[in-house]
Protein backbone atom coordinates (compact mmCIF):
# COMPACT_ATOMS: atom_id res chain seq x y z
CA MET A 1 -13.44 9.58 15.23
CA ILE A 2 -13.88 8.97 11.49
CA THR A 3 -13.71 5.26 10.77
CA HIS A 4 -14.99 5.29 7.21
CA PRO A 5 -15.28 7.70 4.26
CA PRO A 6 -18.33 9.99 3.99
CA HIS A 7 -21.57 8.40 2.73
CA SER A 8 -21.35 10.06 -0.70
CA MET A 9 -17.89 8.60 -1.22
CA ILE A 10 -19.07 5.15 -0.12
CA LYS A 11 -21.85 5.29 -2.73
CA LEU A 12 -19.29 6.21 -5.40
CA PHE A 13 -17.00 3.35 -4.35
CA ASP A 14 -19.92 0.91 -4.28
CA SER A 15 -20.82 1.82 -7.87
CA ILE A 16 -17.43 0.45 -8.99
CA LEU A 17 -17.89 -2.89 -7.29
CA PRO A 18 -19.89 -5.81 -8.76
CA ALA A 19 -23.30 -6.15 -7.07
CA PRO A 20 -23.03 -9.96 -6.51
CA MET A 21 -20.26 -9.31 -3.97
CA ARG A 22 -22.90 -7.92 -1.57
CA ALA A 23 -23.90 -11.50 -0.73
CA ASP A 24 -20.73 -11.92 1.33
CA THR A 25 -20.33 -9.15 3.92
CA ARG A 26 -16.62 -9.78 4.47
CA GLN A 27 -15.82 -9.77 0.76
CA TRP A 28 -17.92 -6.65 0.27
CA GLN A 29 -16.12 -4.84 3.11
CA ALA A 30 -12.72 -5.97 1.79
CA ALA A 31 -13.66 -4.72 -1.70
CA ARG A 32 -14.76 -1.37 -0.24
CA ASN A 33 -11.50 -1.05 1.67
CA LEU A 34 -9.53 -1.93 -1.45
CA THR A 35 -11.40 0.81 -3.32
CA VAL A 36 -10.62 3.34 -0.58
CA LEU A 37 -6.93 2.40 -0.68
CA ALA A 38 -6.92 2.69 -4.48
CA ALA A 39 -8.52 6.14 -4.22
CA VAL A 40 -5.88 7.23 -1.67
CA THR A 41 -3.24 5.93 -4.08
CA ALA A 42 -4.78 7.94 -6.94
CA VAL A 43 -4.55 11.12 -4.86
CA SER A 44 -1.08 10.50 -3.41
CA VAL A 45 0.83 9.19 -6.46
CA PRO A 46 0.90 12.53 -8.36
CA LEU A 47 1.99 14.29 -5.16
CA LEU A 48 4.73 11.73 -4.50
CA THR A 49 5.93 11.81 -8.09
CA THR A 50 6.18 15.60 -7.93
CA MET A 51 7.99 15.45 -4.59
CA TYR A 52 10.56 12.96 -5.88
CA HIS A 53 11.13 15.13 -8.96
CA LEU A 54 11.68 18.25 -6.85
CA LEU A 55 14.12 16.35 -4.63
CA GLY A 56 16.07 15.06 -7.64
CA PHE A 57 14.89 11.43 -7.53
CA ASP A 58 13.15 11.29 -10.92
CA ALA A 59 13.70 7.54 -11.37
CA VAL A 60 11.95 6.87 -8.06
CA GLY A 61 9.05 9.08 -9.11
CA MET A 62 8.57 7.14 -12.34
CA VAL A 63 8.57 3.79 -10.55
CA VAL A 64 6.07 5.14 -7.98
CA LEU A 65 3.86 6.27 -10.87
CA THR A 66 4.06 2.86 -12.56
CA ALA A 67 3.23 0.88 -9.41
CA GLY A 68 0.56 3.43 -8.50
CA VAL A 69 -1.28 2.86 -11.78
CA VAL A 70 -1.44 -0.88 -11.06
CA MET A 71 -2.71 -0.24 -7.52
CA MET A 72 -5.31 2.27 -8.73
CA VAL A 73 -6.92 -0.12 -11.21
CA THR A 74 -7.31 -3.06 -8.80
CA PRO A 75 -10.95 -2.26 -7.84
CA PHE A 76 -11.89 -2.31 -11.52
CA THR A 77 -10.46 -5.82 -11.88
CA LEU A 78 -13.22 -6.98 -9.52
CA ALA A 79 -15.82 -5.80 -12.03
CA ALA A 80 -13.95 -7.80 -14.67
CA GLY A 81 -14.45 -10.97 -12.59
CA LEU A 82 -11.18 -11.18 -10.64
CA PRO A 83 -11.71 -12.64 -7.15
CA ILE A 84 -11.11 -10.32 -4.20
CA ALA A 85 -8.11 -12.41 -3.09
CA ALA A 86 -6.43 -11.98 -6.47
CA ALA A 87 -7.20 -8.23 -6.55
CA ARG A 88 -5.79 -7.93 -3.03
CA ASP A 89 -2.58 -9.70 -4.00
CA LEU A 90 -2.29 -7.57 -7.13
CA PHE A 91 -2.50 -4.41 -5.00
CA VAL A 92 -0.12 -5.66 -2.30
CA GLY A 93 2.21 -7.19 -4.90
CA ALA A 94 2.57 -3.86 -6.70
CA LEU A 95 3.30 -2.16 -3.38
CA PHE A 96 5.79 -4.89 -2.46
CA LEU A 97 7.71 -4.71 -5.74
CA LEU A 98 7.76 -0.92 -5.49
CA LYS A 99 9.30 -1.10 -2.01
CA VAL A 100 11.86 -3.72 -3.12
CA TRP A 101 12.99 -1.51 -6.00
CA MET A 102 13.10 1.59 -3.80
CA ALA A 103 15.09 -0.20 -1.10
CA VAL A 104 17.70 -1.38 -3.61
CA TYR A 105 17.88 2.01 -5.33
CA LEU A 106 17.88 4.17 -2.19
CA GLY A 107 20.38 2.32 0.01
CA GLY A 108 19.10 -1.06 1.21
CA LEU A 109 17.97 -1.40 4.81
CA ALA A 110 19.01 2.20 5.47
CA ALA A 111 16.78 3.55 2.67
CA PRO A 112 14.23 6.09 3.91
CA THR A 113 11.39 4.09 2.37
CA THR A 114 12.30 0.66 3.83
CA PRO A 115 9.94 1.01 6.85
CA TRP A 116 7.06 1.14 4.34
CA PHE A 117 7.43 -2.63 3.90
CA VAL A 118 5.21 -2.87 6.99
CA LEU A 119 2.28 -1.81 4.81
CA CYS A 120 2.39 -5.07 2.82
CA PRO A 121 1.22 -7.37 5.64
CA ALA A 122 -0.93 -4.58 7.11
CA VAL A 123 -2.90 -4.11 3.89
CA ALA A 124 -3.08 -7.89 3.37
CA MET A 125 -4.51 -8.26 6.89
CA LEU A 126 -7.07 -5.52 6.28
CA LEU A 127 -8.23 -7.03 2.99
CA GLY A 128 -7.87 -10.75 3.66
CA GLY A 129 -7.18 -11.59 7.29
CA LEU A 130 -4.37 -13.36 9.06
CA ARG A 131 -3.28 -15.91 6.42
CA PRO A 132 -2.39 -13.44 3.66
CA ALA A 133 -0.83 -11.15 6.27
CA LEU A 134 1.47 -13.96 7.41
CA LEU A 135 2.37 -14.80 3.81
CA TRP A 136 3.30 -11.20 3.00
CA SER A 137 5.15 -10.91 6.33
CA ALA A 138 7.25 -13.92 5.33
CA LEU A 139 8.00 -12.45 1.90
CA VAL A 140 8.95 -9.10 3.42
CA SER A 141 11.20 -10.84 5.95
CA VAL A 142 13.01 -12.72 3.16
CA VAL A 143 13.59 -9.45 1.31
CA LEU A 144 14.85 -7.70 4.45
CA VAL A 145 17.33 -10.51 5.09
CA ALA A 146 18.44 -10.35 1.45
CA LEU A 147 18.90 -6.58 1.73
CA PHE A 148 20.96 -7.11 4.87
CA MET A 149 23.20 -9.60 3.07
CA LEU A 150 23.58 -7.29 0.08
CA ASP A 151 24.42 -4.41 2.40
CA ARG A 152 27.07 -6.50 4.15
CA SER A 153 28.64 -7.53 0.84
CA GLY A 154 28.75 -3.94 -0.41
CA ALA A 155 26.48 -4.72 -3.37
CA ILE A 156 24.09 -1.85 -2.58
CA ALA A 157 25.12 1.79 -2.75
CA ALA A 158 24.95 3.92 0.39
CA PRO A 159 21.67 5.77 0.97
CA PRO A 160 21.47 9.33 -0.35
CA ALA A 161 22.75 12.12 1.88
CA GLY A 162 22.22 15.87 2.08
CA PRO A 163 19.19 18.13 2.51
CA ALA A 164 17.07 16.30 -0.09
CA ALA A 165 17.61 13.00 1.72
CA THR A 166 16.57 14.60 5.03
CA VAL A 167 13.34 15.85 3.47
CA LEU A 168 12.78 12.40 2.00
CA HIS A 169 13.21 10.78 5.43
CA LEU A 170 10.80 13.24 7.03
CA SER A 171 8.11 12.86 4.34
CA SER A 172 8.52 9.08 4.42
CA VAL A 173 7.85 8.86 8.17
CA ILE A 174 4.89 11.26 8.00
CA GLY A 175 3.41 9.43 5.00
CA LEU A 176 3.79 6.04 6.65
CA MET A 177 2.14 7.29 9.83
CA ALA A 178 -0.80 8.69 7.86
CA LEU A 179 -1.33 5.42 5.97
CA VAL A 180 -1.09 3.30 9.12
CA LEU A 181 -3.77 5.51 10.69
CA LEU A 182 -5.94 5.08 7.59
CA ILE A 183 -5.57 1.29 7.71
CA LEU A 184 -6.45 1.26 11.41
CA ALA A 185 -9.50 3.44 10.73
CA LEU A 186 -10.67 1.12 7.94
CA ALA A 187 -10.10 -1.93 10.15
CA THR A 188 -12.15 -0.32 12.93
CA GLY A 189 -14.93 0.44 10.47
CA ALA A 190 -14.87 -3.13 9.17
CA ALA A 191 -15.06 -4.50 12.71
CA ALA A 192 -18.06 -2.26 13.44
CA VAL A 193 -19.84 -3.55 10.33
CA GLU A 194 -19.20 -7.17 11.41
CA ARG A 195 -20.59 -6.47 14.89
CA ARG A 196 -23.76 -4.99 13.39
CA GLN A 197 -24.22 -8.09 11.22
CA LYS A 198 -24.20 -10.43 14.24
């Protein structure tokens, strides 16, 4: 099972990160994982933007592109002196705001992208541990309750229907599954590194 990127990719990712971070193994591993997630974002955002355009959701594609740019640059903020915790929250915050906008635009709790909210605490856990994961879980829960209330009051339009919406649901589930597997693989790799350090 692959639990980390190939060695050549790791060397490339390490070249982005500030050398002083090596002193703290956990911070270094979190920074590496952040860089991997940013690289995955860089690859997936153009594909997602194109998919949304082809399905007739151009506004969604543009918002994905905007949030994706923020997520892609987060590893470079570490080189500029931003602490790993702040870079983590910048990445997760961009993802969170993207999912809030998409949920409101695509039908509230019934939106095909709403299950992706689970990535906010999952990424926070991977990059920072339990405390940030609990914080992001609480924020996501507040948003989900708010979406429920908005749905009940009729303030949010119904989710899209038709063949394009079916494709969107399918691609959303497959994409979420792939990212959850990536996060689990990175977490397994991080745990292996910690065991070797002991």
